[in-house]
Protein backbone atom coordinates (compact mmCIF):
# COMPACT_ATOMS: atom_id res chain seq x y z
CA UNK A 1 25.21 -11.38 19.26
CA UNK A 2 22.41 -9.27 17.63
CA UNK A 3 19.71 -11.45 16.11
CA UNK A 4 19.67 -11.67 12.29
CA UNK A 5 16.36 -11.12 10.47
CA UNK A 6 15.49 -12.19 6.91
CA UNK A 7 12.87 -9.96 5.28
CA UNK A 8 11.26 -11.25 2.13
CA UNK A 9 9.76 -8.59 -0.11
CA UNK A 10 8.84 -7.83 -3.69
CA UNK A 11 11.58 -5.61 -5.14
CA UNK A 12 9.43 -4.46 -8.06
CA UNK A 13 7.17 -2.63 -5.48
CA UNK A 14 10.03 -0.40 -4.48
CA UNK A 15 9.08 2.11 -7.24
CA UNK A 16 6.19 3.11 -4.94
CA UNK A 17 7.60 5.75 -2.56
CA UNK A 18 5.65 4.61 0.49
CA UNK A 19 6.79 1.00 0.03
CA UNK A 20 10.42 2.08 -0.33
CA UNK A 21 10.16 4.26 2.80
CA UNK A 22 8.62 1.34 4.74
CA UNK A 23 11.40 -1.05 3.68
CA UNK A 24 14.22 1.45 4.33
CA UNK A 25 12.94 1.99 7.87
CA UNK A 26 13.73 -1.62 8.76
CA UNK A 27 17.27 -1.58 7.30
CA UNK A 28 18.22 1.77 8.78
CA UNK A 29 16.40 2.07 12.13
CA UNK A 30 15.97 -1.44 13.56
CA UNK A 31 18.25 -2.56 16.42
CA UNK A 32 18.32 -5.90 14.65
CA UNK A 33 20.30 -6.80 11.54
CA UNK A 34 17.62 -6.93 8.83
CA UNK A 35 18.61 -8.46 5.47
CA UNK A 36 16.07 -7.77 2.68
CA UNK A 37 15.87 -10.19 -0.19
CA UNK A 38 13.50 -10.15 -3.13
CA UNK A 39 11.38 -13.32 -2.82
CA UNK A 40 11.64 -13.99 -6.53
CA UNK A 41 15.43 -14.23 -6.21
CA UNK A 42 15.26 -16.07 -2.90
CA UNK A 43 13.10 -18.76 -4.41
CA UNK A 44 15.86 -19.77 -6.87
CA UNK A 45 18.98 -19.83 -4.61
CA UNK A 46 19.99 -21.30 -1.30
CA UNK A 47 19.66 -18.57 1.36
CA UNK A 48 20.29 -20.88 4.35
CA UNK A 49 17.15 -19.72 6.19
CA UNK A 50 17.96 -21.81 9.29
CA UNK A 51 20.84 -19.46 10.04
CA UNK A 52 18.47 -16.51 10.60
CA UNK A 53 16.74 -15.88 13.90
CA UNK A 54 13.47 -14.64 12.36
CA UNK A 55 11.73 -14.30 9.01
CA UNK A 56 9.58 -11.32 8.14
CA UNK A 57 7.16 -11.24 5.19
CA UNK A 58 6.67 -7.71 3.87
CA UNK A 59 3.26 -6.48 2.72
CA UNK A 60 4.60 -6.00 -0.82
CA UNK A 61 4.24 -9.87 -1.19
CA UNK A 62 1.05 -11.73 -1.89
CA UNK A 63 1.62 -14.37 0.73
CA UNK A 64 -0.40 -17.18 -0.85
CA UNK A 65 0.79 -16.70 -4.45
CA UNK A 66 3.41 -18.98 -6.01
CA UNK A 67 4.37 -16.00 -8.15
CA UNK A 68 5.86 -14.39 -5.09
CA UNK A 69 6.90 -17.37 -3.00
CA UNK A 70 7.58 -20.43 -5.12
CA UNK A 71 7.22 -24.00 -3.81
CA UNK A 72 11.01 -24.39 -3.26
CA UNK A 73 11.07 -21.36 -0.91
CA UNK A 74 7.68 -22.22 0.58
CA UNK A 75 8.94 -25.67 1.63
CA UNK A 76 12.01 -24.12 3.30
CA UNK A 77 9.78 -21.67 5.19
CA UNK A 78 7.48 -24.49 6.34
CA UNK A 79 10.42 -26.33 7.89
CA UNK A 80 11.85 -23.16 9.51
CA UNK A 81 11.15 -23.15 13.22
CA UNK A 82 12.19 -19.58 14.15
CA UNK A 83 9.93 -16.50 14.59
CA UNK A 84 7.78 -15.65 11.56
CA UNK A 85 6.17 -12.23 11.25
CA UNK A 86 3.80 -11.01 8.58
CA UNK A 87 2.99 -7.42 7.52
CA UNK A 88 -0.18 -7.21 5.52
CA UNK A 89 -2.31 -4.54 3.78
CA UNK A 90 -5.37 -4.58 1.48
CA UNK A 91 -6.87 -7.08 3.92
CA UNK A 92 -10.32 -7.12 2.31
CA UNK A 93 -8.97 -9.32 -0.53
CA UNK A 94 -9.09 -13.16 -0.69
CA UNK A 95 -9.04 -13.55 3.08
CA UNK A 96 -9.50 -17.34 3.10
CA UNK A 97 -6.40 -17.93 0.95
CA UNK A 98 -4.37 -15.58 3.11
CA UNK A 99 -5.47 -17.46 6.23
CA UNK A 100 -4.52 -20.77 4.60
CA UNK A 101 -1.09 -19.37 3.84
CA UNK A 102 -0.59 -18.10 7.38
CA UNK A 103 -1.42 -21.50 8.77
CA UNK A 104 0.59 -23.38 6.14
CA UNK A 105 3.72 -21.30 6.83
CA UNK A 106 3.31 -21.33 10.61
CA UNK A 107 3.21 -17.56 11.04
CA UNK A 108 2.44 -16.61 14.60
CA UNK A 109 2.56 -12.78 14.50
CA UNK A 110 0.63 -10.53 12.12
CA UNK A 111 0.94 -6.78 11.82
CA UNK A 112 -2.46 -5.67 10.48
CA UNK A 113 -3.59 -2.20 9.39
CA UNK A 114 -7.21 -3.06 10.07
CA UNK A 115 -8.95 -1.26 12.96
CA UNK A 116 -8.84 -3.58 16.00
CA UNK A 117 -12.64 -4.10 16.28
CA UNK A 118 -12.71 -5.47 12.73
CA UNK A 119 -9.60 -7.66 12.93
CA UNK A 120 -11.17 -10.74 14.43
CA UNK A 121 -14.26 -10.36 12.29
CA UNK A 122 -12.02 -10.79 9.32
CA UNK A 123 -9.59 -13.28 10.80
CA UNK A 124 -12.21 -15.40 12.61
CA UNK A 125 -10.83 -18.73 11.50
CA UNK A 126 -10.27 -20.93 14.63
CA UNK A 127 -6.86 -21.97 13.28
CA UNK A 128 -5.65 -18.43 14.05
CA UNK A 129 -6.63 -18.59 17.75
CA UNK A 130 -2.99 -18.56 18.82
CA UNK A 131 -1.78 -16.02 16.30
CA UNK A 132 -0.79 -12.62 17.74
CA UNK A 133 -2.28 -9.60 15.94
CA UNK A 134 -0.54 -6.18 16.25
CA UNK A 135 -2.18 -3.05 14.91
CA UNK A 136 -0.02 -0.83 12.69
CA UNK A 137 -0.60 2.01 10.17
CA UNK A 138 -0.61 2.20 6.45
CA UNK A 139 1.87 5.06 6.55
CA UNK A 140 3.78 7.36 8.94
CA UNK A 141 4.89 10.95 9.30
CA UNK A 142 7.41 11.81 6.54
CA UNK A 143 9.96 13.36 8.86
CA UNK A 144 11.92 14.96 6.03
CA UNK A 145 8.84 17.21 5.35
CA UNK A 146 8.71 18.65 8.88
CA UNK A 147 11.51 21.19 8.45
CA UNK A 148 10.62 21.93 4.87
CA UNK A 149 10.08 25.58 4.04
CA UNK A 150 6.53 25.99 2.65
CA UNK A 151 4.60 29.05 1.48
CA UNK A 152 2.68 30.97 4.14
CA UNK A 153 -1.01 30.23 4.31
CA UNK A 154 -1.89 33.63 2.72
CA UNK A 155 0.57 33.10 -0.17
CA UNK A 156 -0.78 29.76 -1.36
CA UNK A 157 -2.44 29.91 -4.83
CA UNK A 158 -4.94 27.13 -4.44
CA UNK A 159 -7.77 27.19 -1.82
CA UNK A 160 -8.44 23.46 -1.84
CA UNK A 161 -6.47 20.74 -3.67
CA UNK A 162 -7.26 17.01 -3.79
CA UNK A 163 -6.57 13.90 -5.82
CA UNK A 164 -8.25 10.52 -5.36
CA UNK A 165 -8.77 7.47 -7.55
CA UNK A 166 -12.28 6.33 -8.26
CA UNK A 167 -12.33 2.87 -6.78
CA UNK A 168 -14.25 -0.15 -7.92
CA UNK A 169 -17.71 -0.79 -6.41
CA UNK A 170 -16.12 -3.93 -5.01
CA UNK A 171 -14.67 -1.93 -2.12
CA UNK A 172 -18.21 -1.03 -0.91
CA UNK A 173 -20.06 2.11 -0.13
CA UNK A 174 -17.60 3.38 2.46
CA UNK A 175 -14.73 3.59 -0.06
CA UNK A 176 -16.87 5.69 -2.42
CA UNK A 177 -16.51 8.63 0.00
CA UNK A 178 -12.87 8.95 -1.08
CA UNK A 179 -13.85 10.32 -4.53
CA UNK A 180 -17.42 11.44 -3.97
CA UNK A 181 -16.27 14.10 -1.47
CA UNK A 182 -14.49 16.04 -4.19
CA UNK A 183 -17.45 15.77 -6.63
CA UNK A 184 -19.79 17.21 -4.02
CA UNK A 185 -17.32 19.80 -2.82
CA UNK A 186 -16.60 21.07 -6.32
CA UNK A 187 -20.23 21.99 -6.95
CA UNK A 188 -20.45 24.23 -3.87
CA UNK A 189 -16.96 25.60 -4.41
CA UNK A 190 -18.05 27.32 -7.60
CA UNK A 191 -20.97 28.94 -5.86
CA UNK A 192 -18.69 30.12 -3.05
CA UNK A 193 -16.04 31.36 -5.46
CA UNK A 194 -13.29 29.09 -4.10
CA UNK A 195 -10.25 28.34 -6.28
CA UNK A 196 -10.05 24.53 -6.23
CA UNK A 197 -7.93 21.95 -8.00
CA UNK A 198 -9.80 18.65 -7.50
CA UNK A 199 -9.60 15.53 -9.68
CA UNK A 200 -10.45 11.85 -9.76
CA UNK A 201 -8.90 11.29 -13.19
CA UNK A 202 -6.02 8.83 -13.44
CA UNK A 203 -4.00 11.01 -15.84
CA UNK A 204 -4.10 13.91 -13.37
CA UNK A 205 -2.72 12.02 -10.37
CA UNK A 206 0.54 13.43 -8.92
CA UNK A 207 3.43 11.52 -7.47
CA UNK A 208 6.64 12.15 -5.59
CA UNK A 209 8.00 15.72 -5.49
CA UNK A 210 5.21 16.98 -7.82
CA UNK A 211 2.61 15.88 -5.23
CA UNK A 212 4.55 17.52 -2.34
CA UNK A 213 4.85 20.80 -4.30
CA UNK A 214 1.12 20.68 -5.09
CA UNK A 215 0.14 20.07 -1.48
CA UNK A 216 2.44 22.85 -0.18
CA UNK A 217 0.74 25.28 -2.57
CA UNK A 218 -2.77 24.46 -1.30
CA UNK A 219 -4.32 26.23 1.66
CA UNK A 220 -6.36 23.11 2.40
CA UNK A 221 -7.02 19.56 1.21
CA UNK A 222 -10.01 17.29 1.59
CA UNK A 223 -9.95 13.93 3.36
CA UNK A 224 -11.85 10.84 4.49
CA UNK A 225 -10.83 7.72 6.37
CA UNK A 226 -9.12 5.05 4.17
CA UNK A 227 -10.76 1.64 4.04
CA UNK A 228 -13.52 -0.50 2.63
CA UNK A 229 -16.94 -1.77 3.65
CA UNK A 230 -16.88 -5.11 1.84
CA UNK A 231 -14.63 -8.08 2.58
CA UNK A 232 -14.14 -10.65 -0.15
CA UNK A 233 -13.43 -13.78 1.81
CA UNK A 234 -13.25 -16.19 -1.14
CA UNK A 235 -11.61 -13.78 -3.57
CA UNK A 236 -14.21 -14.61 -6.18
CA UNK A 237 -16.27 -11.39 -6.06
CA UNK A 238 -13.65 -8.92 -7.21
CA UNK A 239 -12.93 -10.46 -10.70
CA UNK A 240 -16.67 -10.71 -11.30
CA UNK A 241 -17.18 -6.99 -10.42
CA UNK A 242 -14.11 -5.97 -12.42
CA UNK A 243 -15.40 -7.79 -15.54
CA UNK A 244 -18.91 -6.38 -15.12
CA UNK A 245 -17.64 -2.81 -14.70
CA UNK A 246 -15.44 -3.14 -17.78
CA UNK A 247 -18.42 -4.35 -19.87
CA UNK A 248 -20.92 -1.97 -18.28
CA UNK A 249 -19.08 1.31 -17.56
CA UNK A 250 -22.31 3.16 -16.90
CA UNK A 251 -23.59 0.70 -14.28
CA UNK A 252 -24.46 2.35 -10.99
CA UNK A 253 -22.91 1.41 -7.67
CA UNK A 254 -26.31 0.29 -6.42
CA UNK A 255 -26.74 -2.03 -9.39
CA UNK A 256 -23.33 -3.62 -8.79
CA UNK A 257 -23.76 -3.81 -5.04
CA UNK A 258 -27.12 -5.55 -5.35
CA UNK A 259 -25.88 -7.91 -8.02
CA UNK A 260 -22.53 -8.98 -6.52
CA UNK A 261 -21.91 -7.89 -2.89
CA UNK A 262 -24.19 -10.54 -1.33
CA UNK A 263 -25.91 -8.10 0.94
CA UNK A 264 -22.73 -7.73 2.98
CA UNK A 265 -21.78 -4.11 2.18
CA UNK A 266 -21.22 -2.45 5.57
CA UNK A 267 -21.18 -5.76 7.50
CA UNK A 268 -17.43 -5.18 8.28
CA UNK A 269 -16.03 -1.71 7.88
CA UNK A 270 -12.31 -1.14 7.66
CA UNK A 271 -11.61 2.53 8.50
CA UNK A 272 -8.11 3.88 9.24
CA UNK A 273 -6.14 7.05 8.92
CA UNK A 274 -4.69 7.84 5.48
CA UNK A 275 -0.96 8.61 5.14
CA UNK A 276 -2.06 11.82 3.42
CA UNK A 277 -3.16 13.18 6.74
CA UNK A 278 0.39 12.95 8.00
CA UNK A 279 1.67 14.72 4.84
CA UNK A 280 -0.88 17.49 5.19
CA UNK A 281 0.05 17.99 8.87
CA UNK A 282 3.75 18.18 8.04
CA UNK A 283 3.25 20.60 5.12
CA UNK A 284 0.95 22.86 7.23
CA UNK A 285 -1.97 22.31 4.90
CA UNK A 286 -5.39 22.67 6.49
CA UNK A 287 -7.42 19.38 6.52
CA UNK A 288 -11.13 19.57 5.66
CA UNK A 289 -12.58 16.12 6.32
CA UNK A 290 -15.63 14.04 7.14
CA UNK A 291 -15.73 13.26 10.85
CA UNK A 292 -14.27 9.90 11.72
CA UNK A 293 -12.02 7.96 14.13
CA UNK A 294 -8.79 8.29 12.10
CA UNK A 295 -7.15 5.51 14.05
CA UNK A 296 -7.62 7.54 17.28
CA UNK A 297 -5.00 10.02 16.11
CA UNK A 298 -6.88 13.09 14.82
CA UNK A 299 -9.40 15.11 16.87
CA UNK A 300 -12.30 16.71 15.04
CA UNK A 301 -12.29 20.47 15.25
CA UNK A 302 -8.77 20.53 16.71
CA UNK A 303 -6.68 18.90 13.93
CA UNK A 304 -9.11 19.24 11.08
CA UNK A 305 -12.20 21.18 10.00
CA UNK A 306 -15.28 19.00 9.95
CA UNK A 307 -17.18 18.84 6.67
CA UNK A 308 -20.64 17.26 7.17
CA UNK A 309 -21.37 14.34 4.94
CA UNK A 310 -24.29 16.12 3.39
CA UNK A 311 -22.05 19.23 2.86
CA UNK A 312 -24.67 21.37 4.57
CA UNK A 313 -22.02 23.36 6.41
CA UNK A 314 -20.07 24.55 3.35
CA UNK A 315 -20.45 28.21 4.23
CA UNK A 316 -18.86 27.52 7.62
CA UNK A 317 -16.00 25.61 5.97
CA UNK A 318 -15.43 28.45 3.54
CA UNK A 319 -15.22 30.86 6.47
CA UNK A 320 -12.19 28.90 7.76
CA UNK A 321 -10.55 29.01 4.35
CA UNK A 322 -11.02 32.78 4.09
CA UNK A 323 -9.98 33.66 7.63
CA UNK A 324 -6.31 32.79 8.55
CA UNK A 325 -7.06 33.55 12.20
CA UNK A 326 -9.49 30.59 12.18
CA UNK A 327 -7.46 28.28 9.98
CA UNK A 328 -4.00 28.73 11.55
CA UNK A 329 -4.77 27.33 15.03
CA UNK A 330 -6.01 24.09 13.47
CA UNK A 331 -2.98 23.95 11.13
CA UNK A 332 -0.57 24.62 14.03
CA UNK A 333 -2.23 22.01 16.20
CA UNK A 334 -1.91 19.31 13.49
CA UNK A 335 1.69 20.30 12.80
CA UNK A 336 2.85 20.35 16.40
CA UNK A 337 0.75 17.57 17.95
CA UNK A 338 0.74 15.19 14.98
CA UNK A 339 3.69 15.81 12.68
CA UNK A 340 6.22 16.91 15.35
CA UNK A 341 5.10 14.69 18.25
CA UNK A 342 7.28 11.74 17.40
CA UNK A 343 4.44 9.30 18.11
CA UNK A 344 3.70 8.45 14.51
CA UNK A 345 7.13 8.43 12.89
CA UNK A 346 8.90 5.52 11.25
CA UNK A 347 11.26 5.49 14.20
CA UNK A 348 8.35 4.90 16.56
CA UNK A 349 6.97 2.22 14.23
CA UNK A 350 10.30 0.38 14.13
CA UNK A 351 10.55 0.65 17.91
CA UNK A 352 7.18 -1.17 18.06
CA UNK A 353 8.49 -3.81 15.64
CA UNK A 354 11.67 -4.37 17.57
CA UNK A 355 9.72 -4.73 20.82
CA UNK A 356 7.39 -7.30 19.33
CA UNK A 357 10.29 -9.25 17.76
CA UNK A 358 12.17 -9.33 21.05
CA UNK A 359 9.10 -10.77 22.76
CA UNK A 360 8.64 -13.35 19.99
CA UNK A 361 12.26 -14.43 20.12
CA UNK A 362 11.90 -14.79 23.85
CA UNK A 363 8.71 -16.77 23.53
CA UNK A 364 10.17 -19.40 21.23
CA UNK A 365 13.50 -19.60 23.08
CA UNK A 366 13.90 -23.15 24.39
CA UNK A 367 10.96 -24.48 22.37
CA UNK A 368 13.01 -24.64 19.13
CA UNK A 369 16.69 -25.38 18.57
CA UNK A 370 19.04 -22.46 18.69
CA UNK A 371 20.14 -21.10 15.37
CA UNK A 372 22.98 -23.12 14.04
CA UNK A 373 26.07 -21.31 12.79
CA UNK A 374 24.59 -17.79 12.79
CA UNK A 375 25.84 -15.34 10.20
CA UNK A 376 28.52 -12.81 11.03
CA UNK A 377 27.61 -9.18 10.18
CA UNK A 378 30.23 -8.98 7.39
CA UNK A 379 28.81 -12.15 5.80
CA UNK A 380 25.30 -10.70 5.89
CA UNK A 381 26.49 -7.52 4.26
CA UNK A 382 28.07 -9.48 1.40
CA UNK A 383 24.92 -11.54 1.14
CA UNK A 384 22.81 -8.41 0.76
CA UNK A 385 25.15 -7.11 -1.95
CA UNK A 386 24.96 -10.43 -3.79
CA UNK A 387 21.19 -10.57 -3.79
CA UNK A 388 21.09 -6.91 -4.90
CA UNK A 389 23.22 -7.85 -7.91
CA UNK A 390 20.88 -10.75 -8.67
CA UNK A 391 17.88 -8.47 -8.44
CA UNK A 392 19.42 -5.91 -10.78
CA UNK A 393 20.14 -8.66 -13.30
CA UNK A 394 16.54 -9.80 -13.00
CA UNK A 395 15.30 -6.24 -13.58
CA UNK A 396 17.52 -5.83 -16.66
CA UNK A 397 16.21 -9.06 -18.03
CA UNK A 398 12.66 -7.89 -17.45
CA UNK A 399 13.32 -4.57 -19.20
CA UNK A 400 14.84 -6.43 -22.16
CA UNK A 401 11.74 -8.56 -22.49
CA UNK A 402 9.49 -5.54 -22.26
CA UNK A 403 11.43 -3.65 -24.90
CA UNK A 404 11.36 -6.67 -27.22
CA UNK A 405 7.63 -7.14 -26.71
CA UNK A 406 7.01 -3.42 -27.36
CA UNK A 407 9.11 -3.56 -30.55
CA UNK A 408 7.10 -6.61 -31.70
CA UNK A 409 3.84 -4.68 -31.11
CA UNK A 410 5.13 -1.64 -32.98
CA UNK A 411 6.26 -3.84 -35.88
CA UNK A 412 2.75 -5.45 -36.05
CA UNK A 413 1.16 -1.97 -36.24
CA UNK A 414 3.57 -0.93 -38.96
CA UNK A 415 2.82 -4.08 -40.96
CA UNK A 416 -0.86 -3.49 -40.67
CA UNK A 417 -0.65 0.14 -41.79
CA UNK A 418 2.14 0.19 -44.44
CA UNK A 419 3.14 -3.15 -45.97
CA UNK A 420 1.37 -4.82 -48.84
CA UNK A 421 -1.40 -7.16 -47.81
CA UNK A 422 0.26 -10.31 -49.23
CA UNK A 423 3.24 -9.92 -46.75
CA UNK A 424 1.10 -9.73 -43.69
CA UNK A 425 0.38 -13.49 -43.14
CA UNK A 426 4.06 -14.38 -43.28
CA UNK A 427 5.29 -11.70 -40.93
CA UNK A 428 2.33 -12.16 -38.62
CA UNK A 429 3.18 -15.85 -38.16
CA UNK A 430 6.75 -14.86 -37.27
CA UNK A 431 5.50 -12.25 -34.83
CA UNK A 432 3.15 -14.79 -33.20
CA UNK A 433 6.10 -17.11 -32.60
CA UNK A 434 8.01 -14.29 -30.89
CA UNK A 435 5.05 -13.50 -28.67
CA UNK A 436 4.55 -17.20 -27.81
CA UNK A 437 8.21 -17.32 -26.76
CA UNK A 438 8.08 -14.08 -24.66
CA UNK A 439 4.71 -14.46 -23.02
CA UNK A 440 5.59 -17.08 -20.28
CA UNK A 441 8.72 -15.18 -19.41
CA UNK A 442 6.88 -11.84 -19.16
CA UNK A 443 4.11 -13.40 -17.01
CA UNK A 444 6.63 -15.05 -14.70
CA UNK A 445 8.61 -11.85 -14.15
CA UNK A 446 5.38 -9.87 -13.59
CA UNK A 447 4.10 -12.37 -11.10
CA UNK A 448 1.15 -13.38 -13.22
CA UNK A 449 1.75 -17.10 -13.59
């Protein structure tokens, strides 16, 4: 009988396309029967964990947080003796608490997106000596884009397009390259008469189909390695930096670095390929990027045009943009050798997961009791449907609370602006009671406490 796998995840994160794609890959491509259950729902019902052969924790969860895994569910997971596998991202955050949770829950396999040479620098705790670390990627080739009809290089309206969020100084100097590259490129682009659409502003970010249409209409895009050069082991630095940046929006990176980052910026550097590289390759969009390792996948000069970090070779870069005979061989190499190779697809990723799970099930066989009364496939299907209904009910409840809270806020604004002053104290007291009632429910549903 095929092994049954319970995957705990945060259903609210499904609104993010890359998260949904990652989750769907398990349910549609794995050779194992994977049942996905929102951890918020699972913590309040009996899911009979001991009848599963393995438990997988998805990266959409914050493993150590009671808002994602409550004490009832956590205690069941502690007792569970089968294979336990963790997928994790954003590994520069609160490392010590994550390690404590890995040990507490008895997780023995971790899929990490950190470059291998940095993994054990981050996870150096001796309690993890027998934990297996597998390297994975933050994203994969979106195969549905490969056959997509896109404008010819010469017909694209934008020379260079790019979007990147300006990250907090907490991520360190390495992460600053993600948005500084566009600032520096934009200055030279005007001088070289290039038609660019570059932005770091939040209100100009593009998502879903709008982003794909944008990229397909750009001859080229910019790029750097994803990552960070500061690791917050205690989790105490980020809130301090966030508060300081909010109070001092004009503070320089150097000021914040010297004040908060403990002289450790650059001590450990996380540098990996961005999923946007796979999108660009599939959409036949030329990549112009700083030279880097890119998880050993991209080759400088073959799959992307190298832009020097001091931008001193801008004229050379512009010559590629203006000459299709120079740009197209690089575009074709990225499309054929990266997008179409099959090496970095979700199918290949799930093949890796299945292989590791098979090994882990074999490793624990005989050392733990066999699963008692395993689920039949039909029972698992009904279970999935039941938990999906519970999740939808939870979402509707959440939406109702948000609508009520928004109405209360609008009412308060109306009272302030339109009603006589003598009525305000009475209605305000009533409004405060409504907010006091709603607040704990909202915080619980949003995973804030």
